[in-house]
Amino acid sequence: YNASEVVALDRVIAEAPGDPKPRLRKAELLLDAAAWEAGTRSALEAAA
């Protein structure tokens, strides 16, 4: 996990809000870092 990748993923998500892949990658990173609530939110957003 590194914060810069999460920031980069947020930019990708903003540019392509309908693509689940960056949200899934963000969820992976956040859950690996034990950022449980944010990781859960990102995973559910991707699933939607």
All heavy atoms as atom14 arrays in JSON, in Angstrom:
{
  "sequence": "YNASEVVALDRVIAEAPGDPKPRLRKAELLLDAAAWEAGTRSALEAAA",
  "atom14_mask": [
    [1, 1, 1, 1, 1, 1, 1, 1, 1, 1, 1, 1, 0, 0],
    [1, 1, 1, 1, 1, 1, 1, 1, 0, 0, 0, 0, 0, 0],
    [1, 1, 1, 1, 1, 0, 0, 0, 0, 0, 0, 0, 0, 0],
    [1, 1, 1, 1, 1, 1, 0, 0, 0, 0, 0, 0, 0, 0],
    [1, 1, 1, 1, 1, 1, 1, 1, 1, 0, 0, 0, 0, 0],
    [1, 1, 1, 1, 1, 1, 1, 0, 0, 0, 0, 0, 0, 0],
    [1, 1, 1, 1, 1, 1, 1, 0, 0, 0, 0, 0, 0, 0],
    [1, 1, 1, 1, 1, 0, 0, 0, 0, 0, 0, 0, 0, 0],
    [1, 1, 1, 1, 1, 1, 1, 1, 0, 0, 0, 0, 0, 0],
    [1, 1, 1, 1, 1, 1, 1, 1, 0, 0, 0, 0, 0, 0],
    [1, 1, 1, 1, 1, 1, 1, 1, 1, 1, 1, 0, 0, 0],
    [1, 1, 1, 1, 1, 1, 1, 0, 0, 0, 0, 0, 0, 0],
    [1, 1, 1, 1, 1, 1, 1, 1, 0, 0, 0, 0, 0, 0],
    [1, 1, 1, 1, 1, 0, 0, 0, 0, 0, 0, 0, 0, 0],
    [1, 1, 1, 1, 1, 1, 1, 1, 1, 0, 0, 0, 0, 0],
    [1, 1, 1, 1, 1, 0, 0, 0, 0, 0, 0, 0, 0, 0],
    [1, 1, 1, 1, 1, 1, 1, 0, 0, 0, 0, 0, 0, 0],
    [1, 1, 1, 1, 0, 0, 0, 0, 0, 0, 0, 0, 0, 0],
    [1, 1, 1, 1, 1, 1, 1, 1, 0, 0, 0, 0, 0, 0],
    [1, 1, 1, 1, 1, 1, 1, 0, 0, 0, 0, 0, 0, 0],
    [1, 1, 1, 1, 1, 1, 1, 1, 1, 0, 0, 0, 0, 0],
    [1, 1, 1, 1, 1, 1, 1, 0, 0, 0, 0, 0, 0, 0],
    [1, 1, 1, 1, 1, 1, 1, 1, 1, 1, 1, 0, 0, 0],
    [1, 1, 1, 1, 1, 1, 1, 1, 0, 0, 0, 0, 0, 0],
    [1, 1, 1, 1, 1, 1, 1, 1, 1, 1, 1, 0, 0, 0],
    [1, 1, 1, 1, 1, 1, 1, 1, 1, 0, 0, 0, 0, 0],
    [1, 1, 1, 1, 1, 0, 0, 0, 0, 0, 0, 0, 0, 0],
    [1, 1, 1, 1, 1, 1, 1, 1, 1, 0, 0, 0, 0, 0],
    [1, 1, 1, 1, 1, 1, 1, 1, 0, 0, 0, 0, 0, 0],
    [1, 1, 1, 1, 1, 1, 1, 1, 0, 0, 0, 0, 0, 0],
    [1, 1, 1, 1, 1, 1, 1, 1, 0, 0, 0, 0, 0, 0],
    [1, 1, 1, 1, 1, 1, 1, 1, 0, 0, 0, 0, 0, 0],
    [1, 1, 1, 1, 1, 0, 0, 0, 0, 0, 0, 0, 0, 0],
    [1, 1, 1, 1, 1, 0, 0, 0, 0, 0, 0, 0, 0, 0],
    [1, 1, 1, 1, 1, 0, 0, 0, 0, 0, 0, 0, 0, 0],
    [1, 1, 1, 1, 1, 1, 1, 1, 1, 1, 1, 1, 1, 1],
    [1, 1, 1, 1, 1, 1, 1, 1, 1, 0, 0, 0, 0, 0],
    [1, 1, 1, 1, 1, 0, 0, 0, 0, 0, 0, 0, 0, 0],
    [1, 1, 1, 1, 0, 0, 0, 0, 0, 0, 0, 0, 0, 0],
    [1, 1, 1, 1, 1, 1, 1, 0, 0, 0, 0, 0, 0, 0],
    [1, 1, 1, 1, 1, 1, 1, 1, 1, 1, 1, 0, 0, 0],
    [1, 1, 1, 1, 1, 1, 0, 0, 0, 0, 0, 0, 0, 0],
    [1, 1, 1, 1, 1, 0, 0, 0, 0, 0, 0, 0, 0, 0],
    [1, 1, 1, 1, 1, 1, 1, 1, 0, 0, 0, 0, 0, 0],
    [1, 1, 1, 1, 1, 1, 1, 1, 1, 0, 0, 0, 0, 0],
    [1, 1, 1, 1, 1, 0, 0, 0, 0, 0, 0, 0, 0, 0],
    [1, 1, 1, 1, 1, 0, 0, 0, 0, 0, 0, 0, 0, 0],
    [1, 1, 1, 1, 1, 0, 0, 0, 0, 0, 0, 0, 0, 0]
  ],
  "atom14_positions": [
    [[0.83, -1.21, 0.0], [0.0, 0.0, 0.0], [0.86, 1.26, 0.0], [1.86, 1.34, 0.7], [-0.89, 0.0, 1.24], [-1.6, 1.31, 1.47], [-2.78, 1.59, 0.81], [-1.08, 2.25, 2.35], [-3.44, 2.79, 1.0], [-1.74, 3.46, 2.56], [-2.92, 3.72, 1.88], [-3.56, 4.9, 2.09], [0.0, 0.0, 0.0], [0.0, 0.0, 0.0]],
    [[0.45, 2.22, -0.8], [1.05, 3.55, -0.67], [-0.01, 4.58, -1.02], [-0.84, 4.38, -1.89], [2.3, 3.71, -1.54], [1.99, 3.67, -3.02], [1.47, 4.63, -3.58], [2.31, 2.55, -3.67], [0.0, 0.0, 0.0], [0.0, 0.0, 0.0], [0.0, 0.0, 0.0], [0.0, 0.0, 0.0], [0.0, 0.0, 0.0], [0.0, 0.0, 0.0]],
    [[0.04, 5.68, -0.28], [-1.0, 6.7, -0.39], [-1.04, 7.31, -1.79], [-2.11, 7.67, -2.29], [-0.79, 7.78, 0.65], [0.0, 0.0, 0.0], [0.0, 0.0, 0.0], [0.0, 0.0, 0.0], [0.0, 0.0, 0.0], [0.0, 0.0, 0.0], [0.0, 0.0, 0.0], [0.0, 0.0, 0.0], [0.0, 0.0, 0.0], [0.0, 0.0, 0.0]],
    [[0.11, 7.41, -2.44], [0.14, 8.05, -3.75], [-0.65, 7.24, -4.78], [-1.28, 7.81, -5.68], [1.59, 8.23, -4.22], [2.24, 6.99, -4.35], [0.0, 0.0, 0.0], [0.0, 0.0, 0.0], [0.0, 0.0, 0.0], [0.0, 0.0, 0.0], [0.0, 0.0, 0.0], [0.0, 0.0, 0.0], [0.0, 0.0, 0.0], [0.0, 0.0, 0.0]],
    [[-0.63, 5.92, -4.66], [-1.4, 5.12, -5.6], [-2.89, 5.32, -5.37], [-3.67, 5.38, -6.34], [-1.06, 3.64, -5.48], [-1.78, 2.8, -6.54], [-1.39, 1.34, -6.55], [-0.5, 0.94, -5.77], [-1.99, 0.58, -7.35], [0.0, 0.0, 0.0], [0.0, 0.0, 0.0], [0.0, 0.0, 0.0], [0.0, 0.0, 0.0], [0.0, 0.0, 0.0]],
    [[-3.31, 5.45, -4.14], [-4.72, 5.7, -3.86], [-5.15, 7.05, -4.44], [-6.22, 7.17, -5.05], [-4.99, 5.66, -2.34], [-6.43, 6.1, -2.05], [-4.77, 4.26, -1.8], [0.0, 0.0, 0.0], [0.0, 0.0, 0.0], [0.0, 0.0, 0.0], [0.0, 0.0, 0.0], [0.0, 0.0, 0.0], [0.0, 0.0, 0.0], [0.0, 0.0, 0.0]],
    [[-4.3, 8.05, -4.3], [-4.6, 9.36, -4.87], [-4.72, 9.26, -6.39], [-5.63, 9.84, -7.01], [-3.52, 10.38, -4.47], [-3.72, 11.7, -5.24], [-3.56, 10.64, -2.97], [0.0, 0.0, 0.0], [0.0, 0.0, 0.0], [0.0, 0.0, 0.0], [0.0, 0.0, 0.0], [0.0, 0.0, 0.0], [0.0, 0.0, 0.0], [0.0, 0.0, 0.0]],
    [[-3.79, 8.51, -7.01], [-3.83, 8.34, -8.46], [-5.1, 7.61, -8.88], [-5.72, 7.95, -9.9], [-2.59, 7.58, -8.93], [0.0, 0.0, 0.0], [0.0, 0.0, 0.0], [0.0, 0.0, 0.0], [0.0, 0.0, 0.0], [0.0, 0.0, 0.0], [0.0, 0.0, 0.0], [0.0, 0.0, 0.0], [0.0, 0.0, 0.0], [0.0, 0.0, 0.0]],
    [[-5.5, 6.62, -8.1], [-6.71, 5.88, -8.41], [-7.94, 6.77, -8.29], [-8.87, 6.66, -9.08], [-6.85, 4.67, -7.48], [-5.92, 3.5, -7.79], [-5.9, 2.5, -6.64], [-6.34, 2.78, -9.08], [0.0, 0.0, 0.0], [0.0, 0.0, 0.0], [0.0, 0.0, 0.0], [0.0, 0.0, 0.0], [0.0, 0.0, 0.0], [0.0, 0.0, 0.0]],
    [[-7.93, 7.67, -7.32], [-9.05, 8.6, -7.18], [-9.19, 9.48, -8.43], [-10.3, 9.8, -8.85], [-8.86, 9.47, -5.94], [-9.22, 8.74, -4.65], [-10.02, 7.78, -4.72], [-8.72, 9.13, -3.59], [0.0, 0.0, 0.0], [0.0, 0.0, 0.0], [0.0, 0.0, 0.0], [0.0, 0.0, 0.0], [0.0, 0.0, 0.0], [0.0, 0.0, 0.0]],
    [[-8.07, 9.85, -9.01], [-8.12, 10.64, -10.24], [-8.72, 9.83, -11.38], [-9.53, 10.32, -12.16], [-6.72, 11.14, -10.6], [-6.2, 12.27, -9.72], [-5.05, 13.0, -10.38], [-3.9, 12.11, -10.56], [-2.91, 11.96, -9.67], [-2.93, 12.66, -8.53], [-1.9, 11.16, -9.92], [0.0, 0.0, 0.0], [0.0, 0.0, 0.0], [0.0, 0.0, 0.0]],
    [[-8.29, 8.57, -11.47], [-8.83, 7.69, -12.52], [-10.32, 7.49, -12.34], [-11.1, 7.5, -13.31], [-8.09, 6.33, -12.51], [-8.73, 5.37, -13.51], [-6.62, 6.52, -12.82], [0.0, 0.0, 0.0], [0.0, 0.0, 0.0], [0.0, 0.0, 0.0], [0.0, 0.0, 0.0], [0.0, 0.0, 0.0], [0.0, 0.0, 0.0], [0.0, 0.0, 0.0]],
    [[-10.74, 7.3, -11.09], [-12.17, 7.11, -10.8], [-12.97, 8.34, -11.2], [-14.06, 8.24, -11.78], [-12.36, 6.78, -9.3], [-11.82, 5.38, -8.99], [-13.83, 6.88, -8.91], [-11.7, 5.07, -7.51], [0.0, 0.0, 0.0], [0.0, 0.0, 0.0], [0.0, 0.0, 0.0], [0.0, 0.0, 0.0], [0.0, 0.0, 0.0], [0.0, 0.0, 0.0]],
    [[-12.41, 9.5, -10.93], [-13.11, 10.75, -11.29], [-13.24, 10.88, -12.81], [-14.25, 11.39, -13.31], [-12.36, 11.95, -10.72], [0.0, 0.0, 0.0], [0.0, 0.0, 0.0], [0.0, 0.0, 0.0], [0.0, 0.0, 0.0], [0.0, 0.0, 0.0], [0.0, 0.0, 0.0], [0.0, 0.0, 0.0], [0.0, 0.0, 0.0], [0.0, 0.0, 0.0]],
    [[-12.22, 10.41, -13.54], [-12.23, 10.51, -15.0], [-13.08, 9.43, -15.65], [-13.62, 9.63, -16.75], [-10.8, 10.43, -15.52], [-9.93, 11.62, -15.11], [-8.45, 11.38, -15.39], [-8.12, 10.29, -15.91], [-7.65, 12.28, -15.11], [0.0, 0.0, 0.0], [0.0, 0.0, 0.0], [0.0, 0.0, 0.0], [0.0, 0.0, 0.0], [0.0, 0.0, 0.0]],
    [[-13.18, 8.26, -15.0], [-13.95, 7.14, -15.56], [-14.82, 6.54, -14.48], [-14.57, 5.44, -13.98], [-13.0, 6.08, -16.14], [0.0, 0.0, 0.0], [0.0, 0.0, 0.0], [0.0, 0.0, 0.0], [0.0, 0.0, 0.0], [0.0, 0.0, 0.0], [0.0, 0.0, 0.0], [0.0, 0.0, 0.0], [0.0, 0.0, 0.0], [0.0, 0.0, 0.0]],
    [[-15.87, 7.24, -14.06], [-16.68, 6.79, -12.92], [-17.42, 5.48, -13.14], [-17.84, 4.84, -12.18], [-17.67, 7.95, -12.72], [-17.71, 8.66, -14.03], [-16.33, 8.53, -14.61], [0.0, 0.0, 0.0], [0.0, 0.0, 0.0], [0.0, 0.0, 0.0], [0.0, 0.0, 0.0], [0.0, 0.0, 0.0], [0.0, 0.0, 0.0], [0.0, 0.0, 0.0]],
    [[-17.55, 5.08, -14.39], [-18.26, 3.83, -14.67], [-17.38, 2.61, -14.75], [-17.86, 1.49, -14.99], [0.0, 0.0, 0.0], [0.0, 0.0, 0.0], [0.0, 0.0, 0.0], [0.0, 0.0, 0.0], [0.0, 0.0, 0.0], [0.0, 0.0, 0.0], [0.0, 0.0, 0.0], [0.0, 0.0, 0.0], [0.0, 0.0, 0.0], [0.0, 0.0, 0.0]],
    [[-16.08, 2.76, -14.53], [-15.14, 1.64, -14.61], [-14.91, 1.06, -13.22], [-14.43, 1.77, -12.32], [-13.81, 2.13, -15.19], [-12.84, 0.99, -15.44], [-13.14, -0.16, -15.04], [-11.76, 1.25, -16.02], [0.0, 0.0, 0.0], [0.0, 0.0, 0.0], [0.0, 0.0, 0.0], [0.0, 0.0, 0.0], [0.0, 0.0, 0.0], [0.0, 0.0, 0.0]],
    [[-15.25, -0.22, -12.99], [-15.09, -0.79, -11.64], [-13.65, -1.11, -11.27], [-13.33, -1.23, -10.09], [-15.92, -2.08, -11.72], [-15.86, -2.48, -13.15], [-15.86, -1.18, -13.93], [0.0, 0.0, 0.0], [0.0, 0.0, 0.0], [0.0, 0.0, 0.0], [0.0, 0.0, 0.0], [0.0, 0.0, 0.0], [0.0, 0.0, 0.0], [0.0, 0.0, 0.0]],
    [[-12.76, -1.23, -12.26], [-11.4, -1.71, -11.97], [-10.63, -0.83, -10.99], [-10.04, -1.34, -10.03], [-10.62, -1.9, -13.27], [-11.17, -3.02, -14.14], [-10.32, -3.18, -15.4], [-10.88, -4.28, -16.29], [-10.05, -4.46, -17.52], [0.0, 0.0, 0.0], [0.0, 0.0, 0.0], [0.0, 0.0, 0.0], [0.0, 0.0, 0.0], [0.0, 0.0, 0.0]],
    [[-10.58, 0.49, -11.21], [-9.83, 1.29, -10.23], [-10.45, 1.26, -8.84], [-9.72, 1.33, -7.84], [-9.86, 2.7, -10.84], [-10.97, 2.7, -11.83], [-11.05, 1.31, -12.34], [0.0, 0.0, 0.0], [0.0, 0.0, 0.0], [0.0, 0.0, 0.0], [0.0, 0.0, 0.0], [0.0, 0.0, 0.0], [0.0, 0.0, 0.0], [0.0, 0.0, 0.0]],
    [[-11.75, 1.14, -8.75], [-12.39, 1.05, -7.44], [-12.01, -0.26, -6.74], [-11.8, -0.29, -5.53], [-13.91, 1.15, -7.57], [-14.39, 2.5, -8.1], [-15.9, 2.54, -8.21], [-16.36, 3.71, -8.94], [-16.61, 4.9, -8.4], [-16.41, 5.07, -7.11], [-17.04, 5.89, -9.16], [0.0, 0.0, 0.0], [0.0, 0.0, 0.0], [0.0, 0.0, 0.0]],
    [[-11.92, -1.33, -7.53], [-11.52, -2.61, -6.95], [-10.07, -2.56, -6.47], [-9.74, -3.06, -5.39], [-11.68, -3.73, -7.99], [-13.1, -4.24, -8.21], [-13.13, -5.19, -9.39], [-13.62, -4.92, -6.96], [0.0, 0.0, 0.0], [0.0, 0.0, 0.0], [0.0, 0.0, 0.0], [0.0, 0.0, 0.0], [0.0, 0.0, 0.0], [0.0, 0.0, 0.0]],
    [[-9.21, -1.97, -7.28], [-7.81, -1.86, -6.88], [-7.68, -1.01, -5.62], [-6.93, -1.34, -4.7], [-6.99, -1.25, -8.02], [-5.52, -1.04, -7.68], [-4.83, -2.32, -7.25], [-3.44, -2.09, -6.91], [-2.72, -2.89, -6.13], [-3.27, -3.96, -5.59], [-1.47, -2.61, -5.88], [0.0, 0.0, 0.0], [0.0, 0.0, 0.0], [0.0, 0.0, 0.0]],
    [[-8.44, 0.07, -5.57], [-8.43, 0.92, -4.37], [-8.91, 0.14, -3.16], [-8.33, 0.24, -2.06], [-9.32, 2.15, -4.61], [-9.36, 3.1, -3.42], [-10.26, 4.3, -3.71], [-10.38, 5.21, -2.51], [-11.27, 6.36, -2.76], [0.0, 0.0, 0.0], [0.0, 0.0, 0.0], [0.0, 0.0, 0.0], [0.0, 0.0, 0.0], [0.0, 0.0, 0.0]],
    [[-9.97, -0.66, -3.33], [-10.48, -1.47, -2.22], [-9.41, -2.44, -1.74], [-9.21, -2.63, -0.53], [-11.72, -2.23, -2.66], [0.0, 0.0, 0.0], [0.0, 0.0, 0.0], [0.0, 0.0, 0.0], [0.0, 0.0, 0.0], [0.0, 0.0, 0.0], [0.0, 0.0, 0.0], [0.0, 0.0, 0.0], [0.0, 0.0, 0.0], [0.0, 0.0, 0.0]],
    [[-8.7, -3.09, -2.67], [-7.62, -4.01, -2.3], [-6.58, -3.3, -1.43], [-6.16, -3.78, -0.38], [-6.93, -4.54, -3.57], [-7.74, -5.53, -4.37], [-7.6, -6.95, -3.85], [-6.97, -7.14, -2.79], [-8.12, -7.85, -4.5], [0.0, 0.0, 0.0], [0.0, 0.0, 0.0], [0.0, 0.0, 0.0], [0.0, 0.0, 0.0], [0.0, 0.0, 0.0]],
    [[-6.14, -2.13, -1.89], [-5.1, -1.39, -1.18], [-5.57, -0.98, 0.21], [-4.84, -1.12, 1.2], [-4.71, -0.15, -1.98], [-3.94, -0.42, -3.28], [-3.84, 0.87, -4.09], [-2.55, -0.96, -3.0], [0.0, 0.0, 0.0], [0.0, 0.0, 0.0], [0.0, 0.0, 0.0], [0.0, 0.0, 0.0], [0.0, 0.0, 0.0], [0.0, 0.0, 0.0]],
    [[-6.79, -0.48, 0.29], [-7.3, -0.01, 1.57], [-7.51, -1.16, 2.55], [-7.18, -1.04, 3.74], [-8.61, 0.76, 1.35], [-8.46, 2.1, 0.62], [-9.83, 2.65, 0.25], [-7.71, 3.1, 1.49], [0.0, 0.0, 0.0], [0.0, 0.0, 0.0], [0.0, 0.0, 0.0], [0.0, 0.0, 0.0], [0.0, 0.0, 0.0], [0.0, 0.0, 0.0]],
    [[-8.05, -2.26, 2.08], [-8.26, -3.41, 2.97], [-6.92, -4.0, 3.42], [-6.77, -4.41, 4.57], [-9.12, -4.46, 2.28], [-10.57, -4.05, 2.03], [-11.3, -5.11, 1.22], [-11.31, -3.79, 3.33], [0.0, 0.0, 0.0], [0.0, 0.0, 0.0], [0.0, 0.0, 0.0], [0.0, 0.0, 0.0], [0.0, 0.0, 0.0], [0.0, 0.0, 0.0]],
    [[-5.95, -4.03, 2.51], [-4.62, -4.5, 2.9], [-4.02, -3.63, 4.0], [-3.24, -4.1, 4.83], [-3.68, -4.51, 1.69], [-3.94, -5.68, 0.76], [-4.67, -6.61, 1.16], [-3.43, -5.66, -0.37], [0.0, 0.0, 0.0], [0.0, 0.0, 0.0], [0.0, 0.0, 0.0], [0.0, 0.0, 0.0], [0.0, 0.0, 0.0], [0.0, 0.0, 0.0]],
    [[-4.37, -2.34, 3.98], [-3.84, -1.4, 4.96], [-4.74, -1.3, 6.2], [-4.52, -0.45, 7.06], [-3.69, -0.02, 4.33], [0.0, 0.0, 0.0], [0.0, 0.0, 0.0], [0.0, 0.0, 0.0], [0.0, 0.0, 0.0], [0.0, 0.0, 0.0], [0.0, 0.0, 0.0], [0.0, 0.0, 0.0], [0.0, 0.0, 0.0], [0.0, 0.0, 0.0]],
    [[-5.74, -2.17, 6.29], [-6.69, -2.18, 7.41], [-7.49, -0.87, 7.5], [-7.93, -0.48, 8.58], [-5.98, -2.45, 8.73], [0.0, 0.0, 0.0], [0.0, 0.0, 0.0], [0.0, 0.0, 0.0], [0.0, 0.0, 0.0], [0.0, 0.0, 0.0], [0.0, 0.0, 0.0], [0.0, 0.0, 0.0], [0.0, 0.0, 0.0], [0.0, 0.0, 0.0]],
    [[-7.67, -0.21, 6.37], [-8.59, 0.93, 6.31], [-9.96, 0.35, 5.97], [-10.45, 0.44, 4.83], [-8.12, 1.93, 5.26], [0.0, 0.0, 0.0], [0.0, 0.0, 0.0], [0.0, 0.0, 0.0], [0.0, 0.0, 0.0], [0.0, 0.0, 0.0], [0.0, 0.0, 0.0], [0.0, 0.0, 0.0], [0.0, 0.0, 0.0], [0.0, 0.0, 0.0]],
    [[-10.56, -0.28, 6.96], [-11.69, -1.18, 6.72], [-12.91, -0.48, 6.13], [-13.51, -0.97, 5.17], [-12.06, -1.88, 8.02], [-10.95, -2.67, 8.63], [-10.32, -2.43, 9.82], [-10.33, -3.85, 8.1], [-9.35, -3.37, 10.05], [-9.33, -4.25, 9.01], [-10.51, -4.59, 6.93], [-8.53, -5.36, 8.8], [-9.71, -5.71, 6.72], [-8.73, -6.08, 7.64]],
    [[-13.33, 0.62, 6.71], [-14.55, 1.27, 6.24], [-14.38, 1.82, 4.83], [-15.26, 1.65, 3.99], [-14.95, 2.39, 7.22], [-15.42, 1.85, 8.56], [-16.0, 2.94, 9.45], [-16.18, 4.08, 8.95], [-16.27, 2.65, 10.62], [0.0, 0.0, 0.0], [0.0, 0.0, 0.0], [0.0, 0.0, 0.0], [0.0, 0.0, 0.0], [0.0, 0.0, 0.0]],
    [[-13.27, 2.48, 4.57], [-13.04, 3.03, 3.23], [-12.9, 1.91, 2.21], [-13.4, 2.02, 1.08], [-11.79, 3.91, 3.23], [0.0, 0.0, 0.0], [0.0, 0.0, 0.0], [0.0, 0.0, 0.0], [0.0, 0.0, 0.0], [0.0, 0.0, 0.0], [0.0, 0.0, 0.0], [0.0, 0.0, 0.0], [0.0, 0.0, 0.0], [0.0, 0.0, 0.0]],
    [[-12.22, 0.82, 2.58], [-12.08, -0.31, 1.67], [-13.41, -0.97, 1.36], [-13.68, -1.35, 0.21], [0.0, 0.0, 0.0], [0.0, 0.0, 0.0], [0.0, 0.0, 0.0], [0.0, 0.0, 0.0], [0.0, 0.0, 0.0], [0.0, 0.0, 0.0], [0.0, 0.0, 0.0], [0.0, 0.0, 0.0], [0.0, 0.0, 0.0], [0.0, 0.0, 0.0]],
    [[-14.25, -1.09, 2.38], [-15.58, -1.66, 2.18], [-16.4, -0.8, 1.24], [-17.06, -1.3, 0.32], [-16.31, -1.8, 3.53], [-15.56, -2.64, 4.4], [-17.71, -2.38, 3.34], [0.0, 0.0, 0.0], [0.0, 0.0, 0.0], [0.0, 0.0, 0.0], [0.0, 0.0, 0.0], [0.0, 0.0, 0.0], [0.0, 0.0, 0.0], [0.0, 0.0, 0.0]],
    [[-16.35, 0.51, 1.47], [-17.1, 1.44, 0.62], [-16.66, 1.33, -0.84], [-17.48, 1.29, -1.76], [-16.92, 2.86, 1.13], [-17.75, 3.91, 0.4], [-17.79, 5.22, 1.15], [-16.46, 5.76, 1.4], [-15.87, 5.8, 2.59], [-16.48, 5.3, 3.66], [-14.66, 6.34, 2.73], [0.0, 0.0, 0.0], [0.0, 0.0, 0.0], [0.0, 0.0, 0.0]],
    [[-15.35, 1.26, -1.06], [-14.84, 1.17, -2.42], [-15.24, -0.15, -3.08], [-15.58, -0.2, -4.26], [-13.31, 1.32, -2.42], [-12.8, 1.39, -3.73], [0.0, 0.0, 0.0], [0.0, 0.0, 0.0], [0.0, 0.0, 0.0], [0.0, 0.0, 0.0], [0.0, 0.0, 0.0], [0.0, 0.0, 0.0], [0.0, 0.0, 0.0], [0.0, 0.0, 0.0]],
    [[-15.2, -1.25, -2.31], [-15.59, -2.55, -2.86], [-17.06, -2.56, -3.25], [-17.43, -3.08, -4.32], [-15.31, -3.65, -1.83], [0.0, 0.0, 0.0], [0.0, 0.0, 0.0], [0.0, 0.0, 0.0], [0.0, 0.0, 0.0], [0.0, 0.0, 0.0], [0.0, 0.0, 0.0], [0.0, 0.0, 0.0], [0.0, 0.0, 0.0], [0.0, 0.0, 0.0]],
    [[-17.92, -1.98, -2.42], [-19.35, -1.95, -2.73], [-19.64, -1.04, -3.91], [-20.52, -1.33, -4.73], [-20.14, -1.51, -1.5], [-20.19, -2.52, -0.35], [-20.92, -1.93, 0.85], [-20.82, -3.83, -0.78], [0.0, 0.0, 0.0], [0.0, 0.0, 0.0], [0.0, 0.0, 0.0], [0.0, 0.0, 0.0], [0.0, 0.0, 0.0], [0.0, 0.0, 0.0]],
    [[-18.89, 0.05, -4.02], [-19.06, 0.94, -5.19], [-18.68, 0.21, -6.47], [-19.34, 0.35, -7.5], [-18.21, 2.19, -5.01], [-18.75, 3.15, -3.96], [-17.78, 4.29, -3.67], [-16.64, 4.26, -4.21], [-18.15, 5.2, -2.9], [0.0, 0.0, 0.0], [0.0, 0.0, 0.0], [0.0, 0.0, 0.0], [0.0, 0.0, 0.0], [0.0, 0.0, 0.0]],
    [[-17.6, -0.57, -6.41], [-17.2, -1.34, -7.59], [-18.24, -2.39, -7.93], [-18.6, -2.57, -9.1], [-15.85, -2.01, -7.32], [0.0, 0.0, 0.0], [0.0, 0.0, 0.0], [0.0, 0.0, 0.0], [0.0, 0.0, 0.0], [0.0, 0.0, 0.0], [0.0, 0.0, 0.0], [0.0, 0.0, 0.0], [0.0, 0.0, 0.0], [0.0, 0.0, 0.0]],
    [[-18.74, -3.07, -6.91], [-19.74, -4.13, -7.14], [-20.99, -3.56, -7.81], [-21.61, -4.22, -8.65], [-20.1, -4.8, -5.82], [0.0, 0.0, 0.0], [0.0, 0.0, 0.0], [0.0, 0.0, 0.0], [0.0, 0.0, 0.0], [0.0, 0.0, 0.0], [0.0, 0.0, 0.0], [0.0, 0.0, 0.0], [0.0, 0.0, 0.0], [0.0, 0.0, 0.0]],
    [[-21.35, -2.33, -7.46], [-22.55, -1.71, -8.04], [-22.41, -1.46, -9.54], [-23.41, -1.28, -10.23], [-22.85, -0.39, -7.32], [0.0, 0.0, 0.0], [0.0, 0.0, 0.0], [0.0, 0.0, 0.0], [0.0, 0.0, 0.0], [0.0, 0.0, 0.0], [0.0, 0.0, 0.0], [0.0, 0.0, 0.0], [0.0, 0.0, 0.0], [0.0, 0.0, 0.0]]
  ]
}
